[in-house]
N, C-alpha and C. Protein backbone atom coordinates (compact mmCIF):
# COMPACT_ATOMS: atom_id res chain seq x y z
N MET A 1 40.66 39.76 -19.25
CA MET A 1 39.71 38.67 -18.98
C MET A 1 38.73 38.51 -20.15
N LYS A 2 38.25 39.67 -20.70
CA LYS A 2 37.32 39.61 -21.82
C LYS A 2 37.98 38.94 -23.01
N THR A 3 39.27 39.25 -23.26
CA THR A 3 39.98 38.65 -24.38
C THR A 3 40.08 37.14 -24.20
N LEU A 4 40.40 36.71 -22.98
CA LEU A 4 40.50 35.27 -22.69
C LEU A 4 39.14 34.59 -22.89
N THR A 5 38.08 35.26 -22.44
CA THR A 5 36.74 34.69 -22.61
C THR A 5 36.40 34.53 -24.08
N ARG A 6 36.75 35.57 -24.88
CA ARG A 6 36.47 35.49 -26.32
C ARG A 6 37.26 34.35 -26.96
N LEU A 7 38.53 34.18 -26.57
CA LEU A 7 39.35 33.11 -27.14
C LEU A 7 38.78 31.74 -26.78
N LEU A 8 38.35 31.60 -25.52
CA LEU A 8 37.77 30.31 -25.11
C LEU A 8 36.48 30.03 -25.86
N THR A 9 35.66 31.07 -26.04
CA THR A 9 34.40 30.90 -26.76
C THR A 9 34.65 30.51 -28.21
N ALA A 10 35.64 31.17 -28.85
CA ALA A 10 35.97 30.87 -30.24
C ALA A 10 36.48 29.44 -30.37
N SER A 11 37.33 29.04 -29.41
CA SER A 11 37.87 27.67 -29.43
C SER A 11 36.75 26.64 -29.29
N LEU A 12 35.80 26.93 -28.39
CA LEU A 12 34.67 26.02 -28.18
C LEU A 12 33.82 25.91 -29.44
N LEU A 13 33.58 27.04 -30.10
CA LEU A 13 32.79 27.02 -31.33
C LEU A 13 33.47 26.24 -32.43
N LEU A 14 34.79 26.40 -32.55
CA LEU A 14 35.53 25.65 -33.57
C LEU A 14 35.48 24.16 -33.29
N SER A 15 35.64 23.79 -32.02
CA SER A 15 35.59 22.38 -31.64
C SER A 15 34.23 21.79 -31.94
N THR A 16 33.19 22.57 -31.61
CA THR A 16 31.82 22.09 -31.86
C THR A 16 31.57 21.93 -33.35
N SER A 17 32.08 22.88 -34.14
CA SER A 17 31.91 22.80 -35.60
C SER A 17 32.60 21.58 -36.16
N ALA A 18 33.83 21.31 -35.67
CA ALA A 18 34.56 20.13 -36.14
C ALA A 18 33.85 18.86 -35.76
N PHE A 19 33.29 18.83 -34.54
CA PHE A 19 32.55 17.63 -34.10
C PHE A 19 31.34 17.40 -34.98
N CYS A 20 30.62 18.48 -35.30
CA CYS A 20 29.44 18.35 -36.14
C CYS A 20 29.80 17.89 -37.55
N LEU A 21 30.97 18.38 -38.04
CA LEU A 21 31.40 18.02 -39.38
C LEU A 21 31.68 16.53 -39.47
N TYR A 22 32.30 15.95 -38.43
CA TYR A 22 32.72 14.57 -38.49
C TYR A 22 31.81 13.63 -37.68
N ALA A 23 30.76 14.15 -37.09
CA ALA A 23 29.87 13.30 -36.31
C ALA A 23 29.21 12.25 -37.21
N THR A 24 28.99 11.08 -36.66
CA THR A 24 28.42 9.98 -37.43
C THR A 24 26.95 9.81 -37.08
N PRO A 25 26.06 9.76 -38.08
CA PRO A 25 24.66 9.47 -37.79
C PRO A 25 24.54 8.12 -37.09
N THR A 26 23.46 7.93 -36.40
CA THR A 26 23.32 6.72 -35.59
C THR A 26 23.06 5.49 -36.43
N ALA A 27 22.52 5.62 -37.62
CA ALA A 27 22.14 4.44 -38.41
C ALA A 27 22.72 4.52 -39.82
N PRO A 28 23.70 3.67 -40.15
CA PRO A 28 24.16 3.60 -41.54
C PRO A 28 23.01 3.20 -42.46
N ALA A 29 23.10 3.64 -43.71
CA ALA A 29 22.04 3.36 -44.67
C ALA A 29 22.64 3.24 -46.06
N ILE A 30 21.90 2.60 -46.96
CA ILE A 30 22.32 2.44 -48.35
C ILE A 30 21.24 3.02 -49.25
N ALA A 31 21.66 3.82 -50.23
CA ALA A 31 20.77 4.34 -51.26
C ALA A 31 21.37 4.02 -52.63
N PHE A 32 20.57 4.21 -53.68
CA PHE A 32 21.00 3.79 -55.00
C PHE A 32 20.77 4.88 -56.03
N GLU A 33 21.79 5.07 -56.87
CA GLU A 33 21.67 5.89 -58.07
C GLU A 33 21.82 4.95 -59.26
N SER A 34 21.69 5.46 -60.47
CA SER A 34 21.67 4.56 -61.63
C SER A 34 22.93 3.71 -61.74
N THR A 35 24.09 4.30 -61.43
CA THR A 35 25.34 3.54 -61.54
C THR A 35 26.15 3.54 -60.24
N GLN A 36 25.52 3.90 -59.12
CA GLN A 36 26.26 3.96 -57.86
C GLN A 36 25.45 3.40 -56.70
N VAL A 37 26.18 2.72 -55.82
CA VAL A 37 25.65 2.33 -54.52
C VAL A 37 26.23 3.32 -53.52
N VAL A 38 25.39 4.00 -52.77
CA VAL A 38 25.83 5.08 -51.87
C VAL A 38 25.53 4.67 -50.43
N ALA A 39 26.59 4.47 -49.66
CA ALA A 39 26.44 4.09 -48.25
C ALA A 39 26.78 5.30 -47.38
N THR A 40 25.90 5.63 -46.44
CA THR A 40 26.07 6.80 -45.59
C THR A 40 25.99 6.40 -44.12
N GLY A 41 26.40 7.33 -43.25
CA GLY A 41 26.26 7.10 -41.82
C GLY A 41 27.44 6.40 -41.18
N PHE A 42 28.60 6.38 -41.85
CA PHE A 42 29.78 5.73 -41.30
C PHE A 42 30.77 6.76 -40.76
N HIS A 43 31.80 6.29 -40.07
CA HIS A 43 32.80 7.19 -39.51
C HIS A 43 33.73 7.69 -40.62
N ALA A 44 33.96 8.99 -40.67
CA ALA A 44 34.86 9.57 -41.66
C ALA A 44 36.24 8.94 -41.55
N GLY A 45 36.84 8.61 -42.69
CA GLY A 45 38.18 8.07 -42.73
C GLY A 45 38.28 6.57 -42.47
N ARG A 46 37.17 5.92 -42.16
CA ARG A 46 37.18 4.48 -41.89
C ARG A 46 37.01 3.68 -43.18
N ASP A 47 37.58 2.46 -43.19
CA ASP A 47 37.35 1.54 -44.28
C ASP A 47 35.94 0.95 -44.16
N VAL A 48 35.23 0.94 -45.28
CA VAL A 48 33.89 0.36 -45.35
C VAL A 48 33.90 -0.71 -46.44
N VAL A 49 33.52 -1.92 -46.08
CA VAL A 49 33.48 -3.02 -47.04
C VAL A 49 32.11 -3.02 -47.72
N ILE A 50 32.13 -2.98 -49.05
CA ILE A 50 30.92 -3.04 -49.86
C ILE A 50 30.80 -4.44 -50.45
N PHE A 51 29.63 -5.05 -50.30
CA PHE A 51 29.40 -6.41 -50.80
C PHE A 51 28.01 -6.45 -51.42
N GLY A 52 27.95 -6.89 -52.67
CA GLY A 52 26.68 -6.98 -53.37
C GLY A 52 26.54 -8.29 -54.11
N VAL A 53 25.34 -8.82 -54.14
CA VAL A 53 25.03 -10.04 -54.89
C VAL A 53 23.78 -9.77 -55.69
N GLY A 54 23.81 -10.16 -56.97
CA GLY A 54 22.65 -9.88 -57.81
C GLY A 54 22.51 -10.87 -58.95
N ARG A 55 21.46 -10.66 -59.72
CA ARG A 55 21.19 -11.46 -60.91
C ARG A 55 20.79 -10.50 -62.03
N ALA A 56 21.19 -10.86 -63.25
CA ALA A 56 20.87 -10.03 -64.40
C ALA A 56 20.60 -10.95 -65.59
N PRO A 57 19.80 -10.50 -66.56
CA PRO A 57 19.51 -11.33 -67.72
C PRO A 57 20.78 -11.66 -68.51
N GLY A 58 20.85 -12.88 -69.02
CA GLY A 58 21.94 -13.30 -69.89
C GLY A 58 21.37 -13.79 -71.21
N PRO A 59 22.22 -14.17 -72.16
CA PRO A 59 21.73 -14.61 -73.47
C PRO A 59 20.87 -15.88 -73.39
N PHE A 60 21.19 -16.76 -72.43
CA PHE A 60 20.43 -18.01 -72.31
C PHE A 60 19.88 -18.19 -70.89
N PHE A 61 20.69 -17.86 -69.90
CA PHE A 61 20.29 -17.99 -68.50
C PHE A 61 20.60 -16.68 -67.79
N SER A 62 19.98 -16.46 -66.64
CA SER A 62 20.32 -15.26 -65.87
C SER A 62 21.73 -15.38 -65.32
N ARG A 63 22.43 -14.26 -65.28
CA ARG A 63 23.81 -14.23 -64.79
C ARG A 63 23.82 -13.93 -63.29
N MET A 64 24.69 -14.63 -62.56
CA MET A 64 24.89 -14.34 -61.15
C MET A 64 26.03 -13.34 -61.01
N LEU A 65 25.81 -12.31 -60.20
CA LEU A 65 26.77 -11.23 -60.07
C LEU A 65 27.21 -11.09 -58.62
N ARG A 66 28.48 -10.77 -58.42
CA ARG A 66 28.96 -10.49 -57.07
C ARG A 66 29.93 -9.32 -57.14
N TYR A 67 29.82 -8.41 -56.19
CA TYR A 67 30.65 -7.21 -56.16
C TYR A 67 31.27 -7.08 -54.76
N THR A 68 32.54 -6.71 -54.72
CA THR A 68 33.21 -6.49 -53.43
C THR A 68 34.24 -5.38 -53.58
N ASP A 69 34.30 -4.49 -52.62
CA ASP A 69 35.37 -3.49 -52.56
C ASP A 69 35.48 -2.97 -51.13
N THR A 70 36.60 -2.35 -50.84
CA THR A 70 36.81 -1.70 -49.54
C THR A 70 37.17 -0.25 -49.82
N LEU A 71 36.31 0.67 -49.36
CA LEU A 71 36.45 2.08 -49.67
C LEU A 71 36.56 2.89 -48.39
N VAL A 72 37.19 4.05 -48.49
CA VAL A 72 37.36 4.93 -47.33
C VAL A 72 36.21 5.94 -47.30
N ALA A 73 35.54 6.03 -46.16
CA ALA A 73 34.45 6.99 -46.01
C ALA A 73 34.99 8.42 -46.05
N ASP A 74 34.29 9.29 -46.75
CA ASP A 74 34.73 10.69 -46.83
C ASP A 74 34.38 11.44 -45.55
N SER A 75 34.57 12.74 -45.56
CA SER A 75 34.39 13.54 -44.33
C SER A 75 32.95 13.54 -43.84
N THR A 76 32.01 13.16 -44.71
CA THR A 76 30.61 13.08 -44.29
C THR A 76 30.21 11.65 -43.91
N GLY A 77 31.18 10.72 -43.93
CA GLY A 77 30.86 9.34 -43.60
C GLY A 77 30.21 8.56 -44.73
N THR A 78 30.47 9.00 -45.97
CA THR A 78 29.83 8.42 -47.15
C THR A 78 30.85 7.71 -48.03
N VAL A 79 30.46 6.57 -48.61
CA VAL A 79 31.24 5.92 -49.66
C VAL A 79 30.34 5.71 -50.86
N ARG A 80 30.95 5.74 -52.04
CA ARG A 80 30.23 5.54 -53.30
C ARG A 80 30.91 4.42 -54.08
N PHE A 81 30.15 3.40 -54.40
CA PHE A 81 30.66 2.27 -55.19
C PHE A 81 30.06 2.35 -56.59
N GLU A 82 30.94 2.38 -57.59
CA GLU A 82 30.51 2.56 -58.97
C GLU A 82 30.26 1.21 -59.64
N VAL A 83 29.12 1.08 -60.29
CA VAL A 83 28.80 -0.09 -61.12
C VAL A 83 28.60 0.45 -62.54
N ALA A 84 29.63 0.32 -63.36
CA ALA A 84 29.63 0.96 -64.67
C ALA A 84 28.45 0.53 -65.53
N ALA A 85 28.07 -0.73 -65.44
CA ALA A 85 26.96 -1.24 -66.25
C ALA A 85 25.60 -0.91 -65.66
N GLY A 86 25.59 -0.26 -64.52
CA GLY A 86 24.34 0.07 -63.85
C GLY A 86 24.05 -0.88 -62.71
N VAL A 87 23.50 -0.36 -61.63
CA VAL A 87 23.17 -1.19 -60.47
C VAL A 87 22.02 -2.13 -60.85
N PRO A 88 22.21 -3.45 -60.75
CA PRO A 88 21.12 -4.37 -61.12
C PRO A 88 19.90 -4.17 -60.24
N THR A 89 18.75 -4.15 -60.85
CA THR A 89 17.51 -4.00 -60.09
C THR A 89 17.34 -5.15 -59.11
N ARG A 90 17.70 -6.35 -59.57
CA ARG A 90 17.58 -7.54 -58.72
C ARG A 90 18.92 -7.78 -58.03
N SER A 91 19.16 -7.08 -56.96
CA SER A 91 20.41 -7.22 -56.21
C SER A 91 20.21 -6.79 -54.77
N VAL A 92 21.06 -7.33 -53.88
CA VAL A 92 21.08 -6.92 -52.48
C VAL A 92 22.49 -6.47 -52.14
N TRP A 93 22.60 -5.47 -51.26
CA TRP A 93 23.88 -4.82 -50.99
C TRP A 93 24.08 -4.65 -49.49
N PHE A 94 25.36 -4.69 -49.09
CA PHE A 94 25.73 -4.56 -47.69
C PHE A 94 26.94 -3.65 -47.60
N ALA A 95 26.96 -2.79 -46.58
CA ALA A 95 28.11 -1.94 -46.30
C ALA A 95 28.46 -2.14 -44.83
N VAL A 96 29.73 -2.47 -44.55
CA VAL A 96 30.14 -2.84 -43.20
C VAL A 96 31.37 -2.04 -42.80
N ASP A 97 31.32 -1.39 -41.65
CA ASP A 97 32.49 -0.72 -41.08
C ASP A 97 33.50 -1.79 -40.68
N ALA A 98 34.71 -1.73 -41.25
CA ALA A 98 35.71 -2.77 -41.03
C ALA A 98 36.25 -2.79 -39.61
N GLN A 99 35.97 -1.75 -38.82
CA GLN A 99 36.46 -1.67 -37.44
C GLN A 99 35.39 -2.02 -36.41
N THR A 100 34.15 -1.70 -36.69
CA THR A 100 33.12 -1.79 -35.65
C THR A 100 32.02 -2.80 -35.91
N ARG A 101 31.93 -3.33 -37.13
CA ARG A 101 30.83 -4.20 -37.55
C ARG A 101 29.53 -3.46 -37.80
N ASP A 102 29.49 -2.14 -37.64
CA ASP A 102 28.29 -1.40 -37.99
C ASP A 102 27.98 -1.65 -39.46
N TYR A 103 26.71 -1.84 -39.80
CA TYR A 103 26.42 -2.19 -41.18
C TYR A 103 25.07 -1.63 -41.62
N ALA A 104 24.90 -1.63 -42.94
CA ALA A 104 23.62 -1.31 -43.55
C ALA A 104 23.37 -2.34 -44.64
N ALA A 105 22.10 -2.65 -44.88
CA ALA A 105 21.69 -3.53 -45.96
C ALA A 105 20.62 -2.83 -46.77
N GLY A 106 20.63 -3.06 -48.09
CA GLY A 106 19.63 -2.41 -48.93
C GLY A 106 19.53 -3.07 -50.28
N SER A 107 18.52 -2.66 -51.04
CA SER A 107 18.30 -3.19 -52.38
C SER A 107 17.55 -2.16 -53.20
N PRO A 108 17.84 -2.07 -54.51
CA PRO A 108 17.03 -1.20 -55.37
C PRO A 108 15.57 -1.66 -55.43
N SER A 109 15.34 -2.95 -55.11
CA SER A 109 13.98 -3.50 -55.07
C SER A 109 13.65 -3.83 -53.62
N PRO A 110 12.91 -2.99 -52.92
CA PRO A 110 12.66 -3.19 -51.49
C PRO A 110 12.12 -4.58 -51.14
N ALA A 111 11.42 -5.22 -52.07
CA ALA A 111 10.86 -6.55 -51.78
C ALA A 111 11.95 -7.59 -51.59
N LEU A 112 13.18 -7.28 -52.01
CA LEU A 112 14.29 -8.23 -51.87
C LEU A 112 14.97 -8.13 -50.50
N ILE A 113 14.53 -7.24 -49.65
CA ILE A 113 15.10 -7.16 -48.30
C ILE A 113 14.47 -8.28 -47.48
N ARG A 114 15.13 -9.44 -47.52
CA ARG A 114 14.58 -10.65 -46.87
C ARG A 114 15.68 -11.32 -46.03
N PRO A 115 15.89 -10.87 -44.81
CA PRO A 115 16.89 -11.50 -43.93
C PRO A 115 16.32 -12.77 -43.30
N SER A 116 16.06 -13.78 -44.13
CA SER A 116 15.28 -14.94 -43.70
C SER A 116 16.07 -16.24 -43.62
N LEU A 117 17.38 -16.21 -43.88
CA LEU A 117 18.16 -17.44 -43.82
C LEU A 117 18.49 -17.81 -42.37
N ASN A 118 18.71 -19.10 -42.16
CA ASN A 118 19.13 -19.57 -40.84
C ASN A 118 20.55 -19.10 -40.52
N THR A 119 20.87 -19.03 -39.25
CA THR A 119 22.21 -18.63 -38.80
C THR A 119 23.24 -19.68 -39.20
N PRO A 120 24.30 -19.30 -39.93
CA PRO A 120 25.35 -20.27 -40.24
C PRO A 120 26.02 -20.80 -38.97
N GLY A 121 26.41 -22.07 -38.99
CA GLY A 121 27.05 -22.68 -37.84
C GLY A 121 28.53 -22.93 -38.07
N ILE A 122 29.33 -22.77 -37.03
CA ILE A 122 30.78 -23.00 -37.11
C ILE A 122 31.09 -24.44 -36.70
N ARG A 123 31.81 -25.15 -37.57
CA ARG A 123 32.35 -26.45 -37.23
C ARG A 123 33.86 -26.31 -37.09
N SER A 124 34.35 -26.52 -35.90
CA SER A 124 35.75 -26.24 -35.60
C SER A 124 36.68 -27.35 -36.10
N GLY A 125 37.73 -26.92 -36.84
CA GLY A 125 38.82 -27.81 -37.19
C GLY A 125 38.49 -29.01 -38.03
N VAL A 126 37.46 -28.92 -38.89
CA VAL A 126 37.03 -30.11 -39.65
C VAL A 126 37.78 -30.28 -40.97
N ASP A 127 38.52 -29.27 -41.40
CA ASP A 127 39.22 -29.33 -42.69
C ASP A 127 40.71 -29.11 -42.47
N ALA A 128 41.40 -30.18 -42.09
CA ALA A 128 42.85 -30.11 -41.83
C ALA A 128 43.17 -28.97 -40.86
N GLY A 129 42.35 -28.83 -39.84
CA GLY A 129 42.55 -27.79 -38.83
C GLY A 129 41.77 -26.52 -39.10
N ASN A 130 41.28 -26.35 -40.33
CA ASN A 130 40.47 -25.17 -40.64
C ASN A 130 39.03 -25.37 -40.18
N ASP A 131 38.40 -24.29 -39.72
CA ASP A 131 36.98 -24.33 -39.42
C ASP A 131 36.18 -24.35 -40.72
N ALA A 132 34.90 -24.70 -40.60
CA ALA A 132 33.98 -24.64 -41.73
C ALA A 132 32.68 -24.01 -41.28
N LEU A 133 31.95 -23.44 -42.24
CA LEU A 133 30.62 -22.88 -41.99
C LEU A 133 29.57 -23.83 -42.56
N ASP A 134 28.58 -24.17 -41.76
CA ASP A 134 27.40 -24.89 -42.24
C ASP A 134 26.48 -23.91 -42.94
N LEU A 135 26.10 -24.22 -44.18
CA LEU A 135 25.24 -23.34 -44.97
C LEU A 135 24.10 -24.18 -45.54
N ASP A 136 22.86 -23.76 -45.31
CA ASP A 136 21.73 -24.64 -45.58
C ASP A 136 20.99 -24.34 -46.87
N ARG A 137 21.65 -23.74 -47.84
CA ARG A 137 21.05 -23.52 -49.15
C ARG A 137 21.89 -24.19 -50.24
N ARG A 138 21.39 -24.13 -51.48
CA ARG A 138 22.04 -24.86 -52.58
C ARG A 138 23.24 -24.12 -53.15
N LEU A 139 23.19 -22.80 -53.13
CA LEU A 139 24.26 -21.98 -53.70
C LEU A 139 24.31 -20.68 -52.93
N MET A 140 25.49 -20.33 -52.39
CA MET A 140 25.56 -19.16 -51.52
C MET A 140 26.83 -18.36 -51.74
N ASP A 141 26.72 -17.05 -51.53
CA ASP A 141 27.87 -16.13 -51.51
C ASP A 141 28.04 -15.63 -50.08
N ILE A 142 29.30 -15.53 -49.65
CA ILE A 142 29.61 -15.26 -48.25
C ILE A 142 30.58 -14.09 -48.12
N LEU A 143 30.35 -13.23 -47.15
CA LEU A 143 31.31 -12.22 -46.70
C LEU A 143 31.54 -12.42 -45.21
N VAL A 144 32.80 -12.42 -44.81
CA VAL A 144 33.17 -12.49 -43.39
C VAL A 144 33.98 -11.24 -43.07
N VAL A 145 33.53 -10.46 -42.09
CA VAL A 145 34.28 -9.28 -41.64
C VAL A 145 34.69 -9.51 -40.19
N ARG A 146 36.00 -9.48 -39.96
CA ARG A 146 36.54 -9.62 -38.60
C ARG A 146 37.04 -8.23 -38.18
N PRO A 147 36.34 -7.57 -37.28
CA PRO A 147 36.64 -6.18 -36.96
C PRO A 147 38.11 -5.94 -36.64
N GLY A 148 38.71 -5.02 -37.39
CA GLY A 148 40.09 -4.64 -37.18
C GLY A 148 41.10 -5.62 -37.72
N ALA A 149 40.65 -6.75 -38.30
CA ALA A 149 41.59 -7.78 -38.76
C ALA A 149 41.51 -8.05 -40.25
N GLY A 150 40.34 -7.92 -40.85
CA GLY A 150 40.25 -8.18 -42.28
C GLY A 150 38.86 -8.60 -42.70
N ALA A 151 38.71 -8.80 -44.01
CA ALA A 151 37.45 -9.24 -44.59
C ALA A 151 37.75 -10.23 -45.69
N TRP A 152 36.88 -11.25 -45.81
CA TRP A 152 37.10 -12.31 -46.79
C TRP A 152 35.77 -12.66 -47.45
N ILE A 153 35.87 -13.12 -48.70
CA ILE A 153 34.69 -13.48 -49.47
C ILE A 153 34.83 -14.91 -49.97
N GLY A 154 33.70 -15.55 -50.23
CA GLY A 154 33.72 -16.90 -50.76
C GLY A 154 32.36 -17.25 -51.33
N SER A 155 32.32 -18.37 -52.02
CA SER A 155 31.06 -18.89 -52.54
C SER A 155 31.10 -20.41 -52.46
N CYS A 156 29.93 -21.02 -52.40
CA CYS A 156 29.89 -22.47 -52.28
C CYS A 156 28.59 -22.98 -52.89
N GLY A 157 28.68 -24.09 -53.62
CA GLY A 157 27.51 -24.75 -54.17
C GLY A 157 27.39 -26.15 -53.61
N ARG A 158 26.16 -26.60 -53.41
CA ARG A 158 25.93 -27.93 -52.85
C ARG A 158 26.54 -28.99 -53.75
N ASN A 159 27.37 -29.86 -53.14
CA ASN A 159 28.07 -30.96 -53.81
C ASN A 159 29.15 -30.50 -54.79
N SER A 160 29.53 -29.22 -54.71
CA SER A 160 30.68 -28.75 -55.50
C SER A 160 31.97 -29.15 -54.81
N MET A 161 33.10 -28.89 -55.46
CA MET A 161 34.40 -29.23 -54.87
C MET A 161 34.66 -28.45 -53.59
N LYS A 162 34.01 -27.30 -53.42
CA LYS A 162 34.21 -26.52 -52.19
C LYS A 162 33.37 -27.02 -51.03
N ASP A 163 32.39 -27.87 -51.31
CA ASP A 163 31.50 -28.37 -50.27
C ASP A 163 32.17 -29.54 -49.56
N LEU A 164 32.60 -29.32 -48.32
CA LEU A 164 33.25 -30.40 -47.56
C LEU A 164 32.29 -31.55 -47.27
N ASN A 165 31.01 -31.28 -47.37
CA ASN A 165 29.99 -32.29 -47.07
C ASN A 165 29.37 -32.88 -48.35
N ARG A 166 30.07 -32.74 -49.48
CA ARG A 166 29.50 -33.21 -50.75
C ARG A 166 29.24 -34.72 -50.72
N GLY A 167 28.11 -35.07 -51.30
CA GLY A 167 27.73 -36.46 -51.35
C GLY A 167 27.07 -36.98 -50.10
N LYS A 168 26.94 -36.13 -49.09
CA LYS A 168 26.34 -36.56 -47.83
C LYS A 168 25.11 -35.72 -47.54
N SER A 169 24.26 -36.21 -46.67
CA SER A 169 23.07 -35.45 -46.29
C SER A 169 23.46 -34.30 -45.36
N GLY A 170 22.57 -33.34 -45.23
CA GLY A 170 22.84 -32.21 -44.35
C GLY A 170 23.30 -30.99 -45.12
N ALA A 171 23.63 -29.96 -44.37
CA ALA A 171 24.03 -28.68 -44.97
C ALA A 171 25.38 -28.80 -45.66
N MET A 172 25.59 -27.96 -46.67
CA MET A 172 26.93 -27.90 -47.24
C MET A 172 27.85 -27.18 -46.26
N GLN A 173 29.16 -27.41 -46.42
CA GLN A 173 30.15 -26.86 -45.50
C GLN A 173 31.26 -26.19 -46.31
N LEU A 174 31.49 -24.91 -46.01
CA LEU A 174 32.54 -24.14 -46.67
C LEU A 174 33.70 -23.95 -45.71
N SER A 175 34.89 -24.36 -46.13
CA SER A 175 36.08 -24.22 -45.29
C SER A 175 36.54 -22.77 -45.22
N ALA A 176 37.06 -22.38 -44.06
CA ALA A 176 37.67 -21.04 -43.95
C ALA A 176 38.81 -20.90 -44.95
N GLY A 177 39.50 -22.00 -45.23
CA GLY A 177 40.60 -21.96 -46.20
C GLY A 177 40.15 -21.73 -47.62
N GLY A 178 38.84 -21.83 -47.87
CA GLY A 178 38.30 -21.58 -49.20
C GLY A 178 37.88 -20.14 -49.42
N MET A 179 38.12 -19.28 -48.43
CA MET A 179 37.78 -17.87 -48.56
C MET A 179 38.94 -17.11 -49.23
N ASP A 180 38.63 -16.00 -49.89
CA ASP A 180 39.64 -15.13 -50.50
C ASP A 180 39.59 -13.76 -49.84
N ALA A 181 40.74 -13.10 -49.80
CA ALA A 181 40.82 -11.78 -49.17
C ALA A 181 40.05 -10.75 -49.98
N ALA A 182 39.26 -9.94 -49.28
CA ALA A 182 38.62 -8.79 -49.91
C ALA A 182 39.68 -7.71 -50.14
N PRO A 183 39.41 -6.72 -51.01
CA PRO A 183 40.37 -5.63 -51.20
C PRO A 183 40.79 -5.00 -49.87
N LYS A 184 42.09 -4.75 -49.73
CA LYS A 184 42.75 -4.18 -48.57
C LYS A 184 42.98 -5.20 -47.44
N SER A 185 42.51 -6.43 -47.60
CA SER A 185 42.80 -7.50 -46.64
C SER A 185 43.80 -8.44 -47.27
N THR A 186 44.37 -9.33 -46.46
CA THR A 186 45.38 -10.26 -46.96
C THR A 186 45.13 -11.65 -46.41
N GLY A 187 45.69 -12.65 -47.08
CA GLY A 187 45.68 -14.02 -46.58
C GLY A 187 44.30 -14.64 -46.55
N ARG A 188 44.22 -15.78 -45.87
CA ARG A 188 42.97 -16.50 -45.70
C ARG A 188 42.82 -16.85 -44.23
N PRO A 189 41.60 -16.85 -43.73
CA PRO A 189 41.42 -17.22 -42.32
C PRO A 189 41.54 -18.73 -42.16
N THR A 190 41.78 -19.17 -40.95
CA THR A 190 41.72 -20.60 -40.62
C THR A 190 40.55 -20.89 -39.70
N THR A 191 39.99 -19.85 -39.12
CA THR A 191 38.88 -20.01 -38.18
C THR A 191 37.72 -19.10 -38.55
N PHE A 192 36.55 -19.45 -38.06
CA PHE A 192 35.41 -18.55 -37.99
C PHE A 192 35.13 -18.31 -36.52
N ARG A 193 34.78 -17.08 -36.18
CA ARG A 193 34.59 -16.72 -34.77
C ARG A 193 33.19 -16.17 -34.53
N PRO A 194 32.64 -16.42 -33.35
CA PRO A 194 31.34 -15.83 -33.02
C PRO A 194 31.33 -14.30 -33.09
N SER A 195 32.52 -13.70 -32.97
CA SER A 195 32.60 -12.24 -33.05
C SER A 195 32.67 -11.73 -34.49
N ASP A 196 32.82 -12.63 -35.48
CA ASP A 196 32.82 -12.22 -36.88
C ASP A 196 31.43 -11.76 -37.29
N LEU A 197 31.37 -10.85 -38.26
CA LEU A 197 30.10 -10.51 -38.90
C LEU A 197 30.03 -11.32 -40.19
N ILE A 198 29.00 -12.14 -40.31
CA ILE A 198 28.81 -12.99 -41.48
C ILE A 198 27.66 -12.46 -42.31
N VAL A 199 27.91 -12.29 -43.61
CA VAL A 199 26.83 -12.03 -44.57
C VAL A 199 26.75 -13.25 -45.46
N ALA A 200 25.62 -13.94 -45.45
CA ALA A 200 25.41 -15.13 -46.28
C ALA A 200 24.20 -14.87 -47.16
N VAL A 201 24.38 -14.97 -48.48
CA VAL A 201 23.31 -14.65 -49.43
C VAL A 201 23.03 -15.87 -50.30
N ASP A 202 21.76 -16.25 -50.38
CA ASP A 202 21.35 -17.28 -51.33
C ASP A 202 21.49 -16.69 -52.73
N SER A 203 22.41 -17.23 -53.52
CA SER A 203 22.73 -16.65 -54.82
C SER A 203 21.57 -16.70 -55.80
N GLU A 204 20.59 -17.56 -55.54
CA GLU A 204 19.46 -17.72 -56.45
C GLU A 204 18.25 -16.86 -56.03
N THR A 205 17.89 -16.90 -54.77
CA THR A 205 16.71 -16.15 -54.31
C THR A 205 17.05 -14.77 -53.75
N LEU A 206 18.32 -14.56 -53.39
CA LEU A 206 18.84 -13.34 -52.76
C LEU A 206 18.34 -13.14 -51.34
N GLU A 207 17.73 -14.15 -50.74
CA GLU A 207 17.50 -14.11 -49.29
C GLU A 207 18.86 -14.10 -48.60
N TYR A 208 18.91 -13.56 -47.39
CA TYR A 208 20.21 -13.43 -46.75
C TYR A 208 20.12 -13.56 -45.24
N PHE A 209 21.31 -13.75 -44.67
CA PHE A 209 21.53 -13.65 -43.22
C PHE A 209 22.65 -12.65 -43.00
N ILE A 210 22.55 -11.82 -41.96
CA ILE A 210 23.65 -10.97 -41.55
C ILE A 210 23.68 -10.92 -40.03
N GLY A 211 24.86 -11.22 -39.47
CA GLY A 211 24.99 -11.26 -38.03
C GLY A 211 26.13 -12.18 -37.63
N SER A 212 26.12 -12.64 -36.40
CA SER A 212 27.18 -13.51 -35.87
C SER A 212 26.82 -14.97 -36.11
N PRO A 213 27.81 -15.81 -36.46
CA PRO A 213 27.54 -17.24 -36.60
C PRO A 213 27.40 -17.88 -35.23
N ARG A 214 26.88 -19.12 -35.21
CA ARG A 214 26.75 -19.86 -33.96
C ARG A 214 27.75 -21.01 -33.95
N GLN A 215 28.21 -21.35 -32.77
CA GLN A 215 29.14 -22.47 -32.62
C GLN A 215 28.35 -23.77 -32.55
N LEU A 216 28.70 -24.75 -33.37
CA LEU A 216 28.01 -26.04 -33.35
C LEU A 216 28.69 -26.99 -32.37
């Protein structure tokens, strides 16, 4: 009986140790090193989509920057995204669990944490059967994460060829068919869904929205 008790105790301790090793903190977070974006608090072994938008000095005008990758969280629930030229001081970053929509947002400049954009609206079937997103700024970068199905990125400028509403009053409209697959995803969506996680960033001011779109 004592031997059985010892075996059960040892088994329980091993199980508890394994649970602690792979347990996920309650709140994902993003931190920054000189050349790395470090996202923590995710499930070990899960795909995490990294999305960043920034601005940096150029020879004549400031350069607009966008970064996207899909990385696997290590045993501690951490992913590291390398920016060889250095993480831009003026940038905002997002890390999203591709299965659960759990996310973190951060910036090397805390003053840039401004989730102040209006909620994007879904217009169903307006582009040859494709849905479109209403976006109320002049120039925007977009990430769409559909839990368990994929992630897509896009950009749109007011009155550009991608703006379905060009030449007309009102918000610009980006077609789902104008999105591109993020790493590890394939194809292009035809719809936007209220269950999608949308990250919409004003490419000029870096203000952003993150959350579910609304149906118009």
